[in-house]
Amino acid sequence: MYEVLSSFAQTGGLIYFVVMFGCALAYALWPSNKSKFDDAAQLPLSDKGPHHD
């Protein structure tokens, strides 16, 4: 019984983390988010604070 439950939890956990990684990767590489990430990347180099649109 323990082995079956352990195997199910391991498989489910792996699938869950692969799906979450895919979602995070898709969000990071989505074309409409590029300007937001480019602005955030320049903040440490800017003398101004964050701008609010």
C-alpha atoms as a PDB file:
ATOM      1  CA  MET A   1       0.000   0.000   0.000  1.00  0.00           C
ATOM      2  CA  TYR A   2       2.799   2.419   0.917  1.00  0.00           C
ATOM      3  CA  GLU A   3       4.647   1.762  -2.332  1.00  0.00           C
ATOM      4  CA  VAL A   4       1.557   2.482  -4.427  1.00  0.00           C
ATOM      5  CA  LEU A   5       0.827   5.716  -2.569  1.00  0.00           C
ATOM      6  CA  SER A   6       4.477   6.773  -2.746  1.00  0.00           C
ATOM      7  CA  SER A   7       4.656   6.086  -6.472  1.00  0.00           C
ATOM      8  CA  PHE A   8       1.429   8.002  -7.092  1.00  0.00           C
ATOM      9  CA  ALA A   9       2.684  10.997  -5.070  1.00  0.00           C
ATOM     10  CA  GLN A  10       6.031  11.023  -6.868  1.00  0.00           C
ATOM     11  CA  THR A  11       4.444  10.838 -10.298  1.00  0.00           C
ATOM     12  CA  GLY A  12       1.838  13.462  -9.454  1.00  0.00           C
ATOM     13  CA  GLY A  13       4.480  15.763  -7.998  1.00  0.00           C
ATOM     14  CA  LEU A  14       6.676  15.425 -11.059  1.00  0.00           C
ATOM     15  CA  ILE A  15       3.788  16.191 -13.400  1.00  0.00           C
ATOM     16  CA  TYR A  16       2.763  19.167 -11.236  1.00  0.00           C
ATOM     17  CA  PHE A  17       6.261  20.689 -11.232  1.00  0.00           C
ATOM     18  CA  VAL A  18       6.742  20.135 -14.976  1.00  0.00           C
ATOM     19  CA  VAL A  19       3.422  21.878 -15.685  1.00  0.00           C
ATOM     20  CA  MET A  20       4.279  24.769 -13.326  1.00  0.00           C
ATOM     21  CA  PHE A  21       7.717  25.137 -14.938  1.00  0.00           C
ATOM     22  CA  GLY A  22       6.090  25.213 -18.371  1.00  0.00           C
ATOM     23  CA  CYS A  23       3.654  27.904 -17.227  1.00  0.00           C
ATOM     24  CA  ALA A  24       6.457  30.020 -15.746  1.00  0.00           C
ATOM     25  CA  LEU A  25       8.526  29.621 -18.907  1.00  0.00           C
ATOM     26  CA  ALA A  26       5.591  30.562 -21.131  1.00  0.00           C
ATOM     27  CA  TYR A  27       4.900  33.641 -18.986  1.00  0.00           C
ATOM     28  CA  ALA A  28       8.542  34.729 -19.114  1.00  0.00           C
ATOM     29  CA  LEU A  29       8.818  34.266 -22.876  1.00  0.00           C
ATOM     30  CA  TRP A  30       5.369  35.605 -23.860  1.00  0.00           C
ATOM     31  CA  PRO A  31       5.909  38.454 -26.375  1.00  0.00           C
ATOM     32  CA  SER A  32       3.506  40.888 -24.686  1.00  0.00           C
ATOM     33  CA  ASN A  33       5.557  40.732 -21.445  1.00  0.00           C
ATOM     34  CA  LYS A  34       8.814  41.767 -23.141  1.00  0.00           C
ATOM     35  CA  SER A  35       8.457  45.498 -22.511  1.00  0.00           C
ATOM     36  CA  LYS A  36       7.646  44.927 -18.838  1.00  0.00           C
ATOM     37  CA  PHE A  37      10.737  42.751 -18.357  1.00  0.00           C
ATOM     38  CA  ASP A  38      12.937  45.150 -20.354  1.00  0.00           C
ATOM     39  CA  ASP A  39      11.823  48.056 -18.139  1.00  0.00           C
ATOM     40  CA  ALA A  40      12.478  46.013 -14.992  1.00  0.00           C
ATOM     41  CA  ALA A  41      15.933  45.028 -16.268  1.00  0.00           C
ATOM     42  CA  GLN A  42      16.916  48.693 -16.653  1.00  0.00           C
ATOM     43  CA  LEU A  43      15.766  49.779 -13.164  1.00  0.00           C
ATOM     44  CA  PRO A  44      19.106  49.110 -11.396  1.00  0.00           C
ATOM     45  CA  LEU A  45      20.881  51.285 -13.974  1.00  0.00           C
ATOM     46  CA  SER A  46      18.376  54.125 -13.836  1.00  0.00           C
ATOM     47  CA  ASP A  47      18.570  57.192 -11.597  1.00  0.00           C
ATOM     48  CA  LYS A  48      14.808  57.423 -11.607  1.00  0.00           C
ATOM     49  CA  GLY A  49      12.491  55.252  -9.580  1.00  0.00           C
ATOM     50  CA  PRO A  50       9.960  52.924 -11.094  1.00  0.00           C
ATOM     51  CA  HIS A  51       7.515  54.695 -13.353  1.00  0.00           C
ATOM     52  CA  HIS A  52       3.803  54.091 -13.155  1.00  0.00           C
ATOM     53  CA  ASP A  53       1.844  54.033 -16.395  1.00  0.00           C
END
